[in-house]
Amino acid sequence: MAFGYTGDAEAECGAFHQKTGWIIKLITVQEILDEQFMQKM
């Protein structure tokens, strides 16, 4: 979880996916807050 992430973080996630087949979903704090806001409506 972060307020933002770098291109390096995206590259690491891509490399991890290529090695394992697993996907890491990068989520920002704002995305989490927006989702919680939408659920309350």
N, C-alpha and C. Protein backbone atom coordinates (compact mmCIF):
# COMPACT_ATOMS: atom_id res chain seq x y z
N MET A 1 0.86 -1.16 0.00
CA MET A 1 0.00 0.00 0.00
C MET A 1 0.91 1.22 0.00
N ALA A 2 0.53 2.21 -0.79
CA ALA A 2 1.35 3.41 -0.89
C ALA A 2 0.50 4.57 -1.37
N PHE A 3 1.03 5.77 -1.22
CA PHE A 3 0.37 6.95 -1.77
C PHE A 3 0.66 7.05 -3.26
N GLY A 4 1.69 6.39 -3.69
CA GLY A 4 2.07 6.33 -5.10
C GLY A 4 3.15 5.28 -5.24
N TYR A 5 3.47 4.90 -6.47
CA TYR A 5 4.53 3.93 -6.65
C TYR A 5 5.33 4.29 -7.90
N THR A 6 6.54 3.78 -7.93
CA THR A 6 7.48 4.15 -8.99
C THR A 6 7.43 3.15 -10.14
N GLY A 7 8.07 3.51 -11.22
CA GLY A 7 8.22 2.59 -12.33
C GLY A 7 9.00 1.35 -11.94
N ASP A 8 9.92 1.50 -10.99
CA ASP A 8 10.68 0.35 -10.50
C ASP A 8 9.75 -0.66 -9.83
N ALA A 9 8.77 -0.17 -9.08
CA ALA A 9 7.82 -1.06 -8.42
C ALA A 9 7.01 -1.82 -9.46
N GLU A 10 6.59 -1.13 -10.51
CA GLU A 10 5.84 -1.79 -11.58
C GLU A 10 6.71 -2.84 -12.28
N ALA A 11 7.97 -2.52 -12.50
CA ALA A 11 8.89 -3.46 -13.14
C ALA A 11 9.10 -4.70 -12.27
N GLU A 12 9.23 -4.51 -10.97
CA GLU A 12 9.39 -5.65 -10.06
C GLU A 12 8.17 -6.54 -10.08
N CYS A 13 6.99 -5.94 -10.12
CA CYS A 13 5.75 -6.73 -10.19
C CYS A 13 5.69 -7.52 -11.49
N GLY A 14 6.11 -6.89 -12.58
CA GLY A 14 6.14 -7.58 -13.87
C GLY A 14 7.11 -8.75 -13.87
N ALA A 15 8.28 -8.55 -13.30
CA ALA A 15 9.28 -9.61 -13.22
C ALA A 15 8.77 -10.76 -12.34
N PHE A 16 8.12 -10.43 -11.24
CA PHE A 16 7.55 -11.44 -10.36
C PHE A 16 6.50 -12.26 -11.10
N HIS A 17 5.66 -11.58 -11.88
CA HIS A 17 4.62 -12.27 -12.65
C HIS A 17 5.24 -13.22 -13.67
N GLN A 18 6.28 -12.78 -14.34
CA GLN A 18 6.92 -13.63 -15.34
C GLN A 18 7.55 -14.87 -14.71
N LYS A 19 8.10 -14.73 -13.51
CA LYS A 19 8.76 -15.85 -12.84
C LYS A 19 7.77 -16.83 -12.22
N THR A 20 6.66 -16.31 -11.68
CA THR A 20 5.77 -17.16 -10.89
C THR A 20 4.39 -17.36 -11.52
N GLY A 21 3.98 -16.45 -12.39
CA GLY A 21 2.62 -16.51 -12.94
C GLY A 21 1.61 -15.82 -12.03
N TRP A 22 2.04 -15.36 -10.89
CA TRP A 22 1.16 -14.65 -9.95
C TRP A 22 1.15 -13.17 -10.29
N ILE A 23 0.04 -12.51 -9.98
CA ILE A 23 -0.11 -11.09 -10.25
C ILE A 23 -0.16 -10.32 -8.94
N ILE A 24 0.60 -9.24 -8.87
CA ILE A 24 0.55 -8.32 -7.73
C ILE A 24 -0.23 -7.10 -8.18
N LYS A 25 -1.30 -6.78 -7.50
CA LYS A 25 -2.10 -5.60 -7.81
C LYS A 25 -1.57 -4.43 -6.99
N LEU A 26 -1.05 -3.42 -7.67
CA LEU A 26 -0.57 -2.23 -6.97
C LEU A 26 -1.77 -1.34 -6.65
N ILE A 27 -1.95 -1.01 -5.40
CA ILE A 27 -3.09 -0.22 -4.95
C ILE A 27 -2.59 0.96 -4.15
N THR A 28 -3.08 2.14 -4.46
CA THR A 28 -2.71 3.33 -3.69
C THR A 28 -3.70 3.53 -2.55
N VAL A 29 -3.28 4.31 -1.59
CA VAL A 29 -4.16 4.65 -0.47
C VAL A 29 -5.43 5.31 -1.00
N GLN A 30 -5.29 6.18 -1.98
CA GLN A 30 -6.45 6.89 -2.52
C GLN A 30 -7.45 5.91 -3.15
N GLU A 31 -6.96 4.90 -3.84
CA GLU A 31 -7.86 3.90 -4.42
C GLU A 31 -8.64 3.16 -3.35
N ILE A 32 -7.98 2.85 -2.25
CA ILE A 32 -8.66 2.18 -1.14
C ILE A 32 -9.71 3.10 -0.55
N LEU A 33 -9.36 4.34 -0.34
CA LEU A 33 -10.31 5.29 0.23
C LEU A 33 -11.50 5.51 -0.69
N ASP A 34 -11.26 5.61 -1.98
CA ASP A 34 -12.35 5.78 -2.94
C ASP A 34 -13.29 4.59 -2.93
N GLU A 35 -12.76 3.39 -2.84
CA GLU A 35 -13.59 2.19 -2.81
C GLU A 35 -14.45 2.16 -1.56
N GLN A 36 -13.87 2.50 -0.43
CA GLN A 36 -14.65 2.53 0.81
C GLN A 36 -15.74 3.59 0.72
N PHE A 37 -15.45 4.69 0.11
CA PHE A 37 -16.44 5.75 -0.04
C PHE A 37 -17.60 5.25 -0.89
N MET A 38 -17.30 4.55 -1.96
CA MET A 38 -18.33 4.05 -2.86
C MET A 38 -19.21 3.01 -2.18
N GLN A 39 -18.65 2.20 -1.30
CA GLN A 39 -19.42 1.18 -0.62
C GLN A 39 -20.42 1.79 0.36
N LYS A 40 -20.12 2.95 0.89
CA LYS A 40 -21.01 3.61 1.84
C LYS A 40 -22.19 4.28 1.17
N MET A 41 -22.10 4.51 -0.14
CA MET A 41 -23.17 5.21 -0.85
C MET A 41 -24.35 4.30 -1.12
